[in-house]
Amino acid sequence: MTFSRKLQQLALFSIVALLITTCSGDDPEPGSNSNNNLNRGAVGSSANDLLSSSSYTSLRVEIQYAAGFEPPQGSVNYLRNFLNQRLNKPGGITITTTEVSAPDQGNYNLSDLRGIEDNSRTQFTNGSTLAVYFYFADGNYSENENVLGIAHRNTSMVLFQNRIEELSGGPGQVSTQMLTSTVMAHEFGHILGLVNLGSDMQTDHQDEANGAHCDNENCLMYYAVESAGGISDLFGMSSPPDLDANCLADLAANGGN
């Protein structure tokens, strides 16, 4: 099997479609205080703030997870390296992980997920530090059980870790660490403004038929529409795909490395 074919299957199961990214996150929301308001914008609206050091010199990533669904440490390390490579944050990037109480639902809609974040999130953008939030859920996305991650605010993302673990980690399956790392990086790519979602394209490379995704099938931000026979053929892949040259150029032009 070719790398492109494997990537198509991986992208199918990560399913971070623009339909989810934009329909659930385009409109800023009112918040209870000014700090909350800075973290309630549309997906991609804080791309420059995340990439550059002009407004914020450091980044704090808060990862909260339902009991039993802590992300693999290797995935947290991968995210840290990914961000250090792409973001201009001379004050540093810190990542914390914390278990939080979950409603223990089999399925979660967007309103449920935002409610969990609003009740549990502790880190907000303040001063020279920008804050980003991940929630690792113990259930599936009610709109589609094969959705593994969504970006729904300018600094907010969800991974459906229960579903990720169902589709990974067993004999003949991709590793849970690799699948988790890929979904995390893909979602973060969206809040960094990819593709054409806050970081302007330097060269036209948007897959317009599939929203805010790259047209290069070997890129992390590619969205595959092909149905895969299964994810068993992904067994043996040890690391997520990279951003391609066009996506990297978009990030660099918007203040990133």
Protein backbone atom coordinates (compact mmCIF):
# COMPACT_ATOMS: atom_id res chain seq x y z
CA MET A 1 0.00 0.00 0.00
CA THR A 2 1.29 3.47 -0.88
CA PHE A 3 1.83 6.19 1.73
CA SER A 4 -0.83 8.28 -0.06
CA ARG A 5 -3.37 5.50 0.25
CA LYS A 6 -2.53 5.02 3.92
CA LEU A 7 -2.88 8.73 4.49
CA GLN A 8 -6.25 8.76 2.77
CA GLN A 9 -7.48 6.10 5.17
CA LEU A 10 -6.05 7.90 8.19
CA ALA A 11 -7.60 11.18 7.12
CA LEU A 12 -10.95 9.45 6.63
CA PHE A 13 -10.97 8.28 10.21
CA SER A 14 -9.67 11.55 11.63
CA ILE A 15 -12.52 13.34 9.81
CA VAL A 16 -11.98 16.90 10.82
CA ALA A 17 -14.12 18.35 8.07
CA LEU A 18 -14.66 22.05 7.46
CA LEU A 19 -18.35 21.35 7.95
CA ILE A 20 -17.57 20.73 11.61
CA THR A 21 -14.84 23.31 11.95
CA THR A 22 -16.81 26.22 10.54
CA CYS A 23 -20.44 25.39 11.19
CA SER A 24 -19.76 24.83 14.86
CA GLY A 25 -17.28 27.61 15.41
CA ASP A 26 -17.70 30.57 13.10
CA ASP A 27 -19.55 32.86 15.45
CA PRO A 28 -17.88 34.35 18.51
CA GLU A 29 -19.83 33.80 21.70
CA PRO A 30 -20.51 36.11 24.59
CA GLY A 31 -18.56 35.24 27.71
CA SER A 32 -18.92 35.89 31.38
CA ASN A 33 -15.69 37.88 31.59
CA SER A 34 -13.11 39.50 29.35
CA ASN A 35 -10.64 36.62 29.60
CA ASN A 36 -13.30 34.14 28.51
CA ASN A 37 -14.20 36.36 25.58
CA LEU A 38 -10.66 36.11 24.23
CA ASN A 39 -11.15 32.35 24.02
CA ARG A 40 -14.60 32.35 22.42
CA GLY A 41 -13.84 33.48 18.88
CA ALA A 42 -14.25 31.72 15.55
CA VAL A 43 -11.92 28.91 14.50
CA GLY A 44 -8.83 30.47 12.88
CA SER A 45 -9.46 33.98 14.20
CA SER A 46 -6.47 33.72 16.57
CA ALA A 47 -4.09 32.24 14.00
CA ASN A 48 -1.69 35.18 14.02
CA ASP A 49 -1.79 35.42 17.81
CA LEU A 50 -0.84 31.74 18.02
CA LEU A 51 1.85 31.83 15.38
CA SER A 52 3.61 35.12 16.11
CA SER A 53 5.05 36.78 19.19
CA SER A 54 3.66 40.23 18.44
CA SER A 55 0.81 40.00 20.97
CA TYR A 56 1.59 36.87 23.00
CA THR A 57 5.06 35.61 23.79
CA SER A 58 4.10 32.35 25.51
CA LEU A 59 1.51 29.62 25.10
CA ARG A 60 -0.22 27.44 27.67
CA VAL A 61 -1.97 24.29 26.42
CA GLU A 62 -4.47 22.85 28.87
CA ILE A 63 -5.46 19.23 28.21
CA GLN A 64 -8.36 17.87 30.23
CA TYR A 65 -9.62 14.32 29.89
CA ALA A 66 -12.39 12.08 31.14
CA ALA A 67 -11.33 9.28 33.50
CA GLY A 68 -9.66 6.49 31.55
CA PHE A 69 -8.99 8.58 28.45
CA GLU A 70 -5.75 10.38 29.17
CA PRO A 71 -3.83 10.99 25.94
CA PRO A 72 -0.68 8.91 25.46
CA GLN A 73 2.39 10.72 26.76
CA GLY A 74 4.01 10.22 23.38
CA SER A 75 1.19 12.20 21.78
CA VAL A 76 1.64 15.05 24.27
CA ASN A 77 5.35 15.06 23.46
CA TYR A 78 4.61 15.05 19.75
CA LEU A 79 2.28 18.03 20.11
CA ARG A 80 4.91 19.93 22.08
CA ASN A 81 7.52 19.35 19.38
CA PHE A 82 5.03 20.23 16.63
CA LEU A 83 4.21 23.55 18.30
CA ASN A 84 7.83 24.42 19.10
CA GLN A 85 8.68 23.95 15.44
CA ARG A 86 5.87 26.14 14.11
CA LEU A 87 5.09 28.84 16.70
CA ASN A 88 7.11 31.91 17.66
CA LYS A 89 6.79 31.82 21.42
CA PRO A 90 10.09 33.00 23.00
CA GLY A 91 8.49 32.81 26.45
CA GLY A 92 7.94 29.08 26.00
CA ILE A 93 5.15 26.56 25.51
CA THR A 94 3.78 24.62 28.46
CA ILE A 95 1.35 21.70 28.38
CA THR A 96 -0.61 20.42 31.36
CA THR A 97 -2.88 17.37 31.59
CA THR A 98 -5.66 16.99 34.15
CA GLU A 99 -8.44 14.49 34.71
CA VAL A 100 -11.88 16.08 35.09
CA SER A 101 -15.33 14.82 35.94
CA ALA A 102 -17.34 13.81 32.86
CA PRO A 103 -21.09 13.38 32.38
CA ASP A 104 -20.49 9.75 31.29
CA GLN A 105 -22.60 10.03 28.14
CA GLY A 106 -22.31 7.69 25.20
CA ASN A 107 -22.62 10.60 22.78
CA TYR A 108 -21.93 14.33 23.00
CA ASN A 109 -23.21 17.15 20.85
CA LEU A 110 -21.44 20.48 20.49
CA SER A 111 -23.50 22.10 23.21
CA ASP A 112 -22.56 19.31 25.63
CA LEU A 113 -18.87 19.69 24.83
CA ARG A 114 -18.88 23.45 25.22
CA GLY A 115 -20.65 23.03 28.53
CA ILE A 116 -17.92 20.70 29.78
CA GLU A 117 -15.26 23.20 28.74
CA ASP A 118 -17.08 26.15 30.26
CA ASN A 119 -17.44 24.31 33.57
CA SER A 120 -13.95 22.81 33.71
CA ARG A 121 -11.48 24.97 31.82
CA THR A 122 -9.09 26.85 34.10
CA GLN A 123 -6.62 28.52 31.72
CA PHE A 124 -7.55 31.59 29.69
CA THR A 125 -5.63 34.06 27.58
CA ASN A 126 -4.23 36.77 29.82
CA GLY A 127 -1.38 39.27 29.61
CA SER A 128 1.34 37.96 27.31
CA THR A 129 0.21 34.33 27.57
CA LEU A 130 -2.25 32.79 25.14
CA ALA A 131 -4.20 29.75 26.35
CA VAL A 132 -5.46 26.81 24.30
CA TYR A 133 -7.74 23.99 25.41
CA PHE A 134 -8.19 20.32 24.49
CA TYR A 135 -10.85 18.01 25.91
CA PHE A 136 -10.53 14.23 25.51
CA ALA A 137 -14.02 12.81 25.65
CA ASP A 138 -15.25 9.44 26.87
CA GLY A 139 -17.98 9.23 24.25
CA ASN A 140 -18.61 9.73 20.55
CA TYR A 141 -19.66 12.80 18.60
CA SER A 142 -23.42 12.66 18.24
CA GLU A 143 -23.34 13.95 14.66
CA ASN A 144 -21.12 11.11 13.44
CA GLU A 145 -19.47 8.41 15.52
CA ASN A 146 -16.46 8.28 13.18
CA VAL A 147 -15.53 11.90 13.84
CA LEU A 148 -12.40 11.73 15.96
CA GLY A 149 -11.78 15.42 16.55
CA ILE A 150 -13.22 18.88 16.12
CA ALA A 151 -11.97 22.45 16.42
CA HIS A 152 -14.93 24.56 17.52
CA ARG A 153 -13.57 27.87 18.89
CA ASN A 154 -10.45 29.93 18.29
CA THR A 155 -8.63 28.09 21.09
CA SER A 156 -10.83 25.06 21.70
CA MET A 157 -10.58 21.50 20.43
CA VAL A 158 -12.06 18.12 21.30
CA LEU A 159 -10.75 14.63 20.68
CA PHE A 160 -13.17 11.71 20.92
CA GLN A 161 -10.62 9.47 22.57
CA ASN A 162 -13.08 6.69 23.21
CA ARG A 163 -13.59 6.27 19.46
CA ILE A 164 -9.89 6.70 18.73
CA GLU A 165 -9.09 3.84 21.10
CA GLU A 166 -11.77 1.64 19.54
CA LEU A 167 -10.12 2.07 16.15
CA SER A 168 -6.50 1.70 17.23
CA GLY A 169 -4.04 -0.12 19.42
CA GLY A 170 -5.04 -3.69 18.63
CA PRO A 171 -3.51 -6.35 16.41
CA GLY A 172 -3.50 -5.17 12.81
CA GLN A 173 -4.44 -1.61 13.83
CA VAL A 174 -2.57 1.67 13.85
CA SER A 175 -1.10 2.59 17.23
CA THR A 176 -3.25 4.71 19.52
CA GLN A 177 -0.35 7.11 19.99
CA MET A 178 0.06 7.70 16.26
CA LEU A 179 -3.66 8.18 15.64
CA THR A 180 -4.05 10.49 18.65
CA SER A 181 -1.01 12.53 17.61
CA THR A 182 -2.32 12.93 14.08
CA VAL A 183 -5.77 14.12 15.15
CA MET A 184 -4.29 16.54 17.71
CA ALA A 185 -1.94 18.08 15.13
CA HIS A 186 -4.65 18.26 12.48
CA GLU A 187 -7.03 20.05 14.82
CA PHE A 188 -4.33 22.46 15.92
CA GLY A 189 -3.64 23.12 12.25
CA HIS A 190 -7.19 24.41 11.92
CA ILE A 191 -6.90 26.89 14.79
CA LEU A 192 -3.61 28.01 13.19
CA GLY A 193 -5.74 29.04 10.22
CA LEU A 194 -5.29 26.11 7.86
CA VAL A 195 -6.40 25.95 5.18
CA ASN A 196 -7.49 29.47 4.18
CA LEU A 197 -9.15 29.77 7.58
CA GLY A 198 -7.20 32.65 9.06
CA SER A 199 -3.74 32.12 7.57
CA ASP A 200 -3.91 33.44 4.01
CA MET A 201 -2.78 31.10 1.27
CA GLN A 202 0.49 32.09 -0.38
CA THR A 203 -0.29 29.67 -3.20
CA ASP A 204 -3.73 28.31 -3.98
CA HIS A 205 -3.84 24.85 -2.41
CA GLN A 206 -7.26 24.64 -0.81
CA ASP A 207 -9.35 21.58 -1.53
CA GLU A 208 -12.48 23.67 -1.97
CA ALA A 209 -14.72 20.66 -2.33
CA ASN A 210 -13.81 19.64 1.19
CA GLY A 211 -13.51 22.96 2.97
CA ALA A 212 -10.51 24.08 5.00
CA HIS A 213 -8.18 21.35 3.83
CA CYS A 214 -5.09 21.01 1.68
CA ASP A 215 -5.25 19.52 -1.81
CA ASN A 216 -1.98 17.61 -1.27
CA GLU A 217 -2.86 14.05 -0.31
CA ASN A 218 0.46 13.69 1.54
CA CYS A 219 -0.16 16.69 3.81
CA LEU A 220 -1.35 16.59 7.42
CA MET A 221 -4.19 18.93 6.45
CA TYR A 222 -5.51 16.75 3.61
CA TYR A 223 -9.11 15.62 3.83
CA ALA A 224 -9.84 12.28 2.23
CA VAL A 225 -13.35 11.56 0.98
CA GLU A 226 -12.68 8.02 -0.15
CA SER A 227 -14.10 5.19 1.88
CA ALA A 228 -11.42 2.92 3.32
CA GLY A 229 -11.74 -0.79 3.65
CA GLY A 230 -10.41 -0.53 7.19
CA ILE A 231 -7.55 0.93 9.16
CA SER A 232 -5.62 -2.31 9.44
CA ASP A 233 -3.47 -1.26 6.50
CA LEU A 234 -2.18 1.66 8.57
CA PHE A 235 -0.43 -0.72 10.95
CA GLY A 236 3.28 0.08 10.99
CA MET A 237 3.04 3.83 10.48
CA SER A 238 5.04 5.34 13.32
CA SER A 239 4.47 9.08 12.95
CA PRO A 240 1.86 11.46 11.56
CA PRO A 241 2.27 13.04 8.12
CA ASP A 242 3.93 16.44 7.94
CA LEU A 243 2.52 19.74 6.78
CA ASP A 244 3.40 20.27 3.12
CA ALA A 245 5.35 23.21 1.72
CA ASN A 246 2.24 25.25 0.95
CA CYS A 247 0.79 24.92 4.45
CA LEU A 248 4.18 25.76 5.95
CA ALA A 249 4.40 28.84 3.75
CA ASP A 250 0.96 29.99 4.93
CA LEU A 251 2.01 29.66 8.57
CA ALA A 252 5.33 31.42 8.02
CA ALA A 253 3.64 34.34 6.26
CA ASN A 254 1.30 34.72 9.24
CA GLY A 255 4.06 34.95 11.82
CA GLY A 256 5.07 31.33 12.34
CA ASN A 257 8.35 29.54 11.87
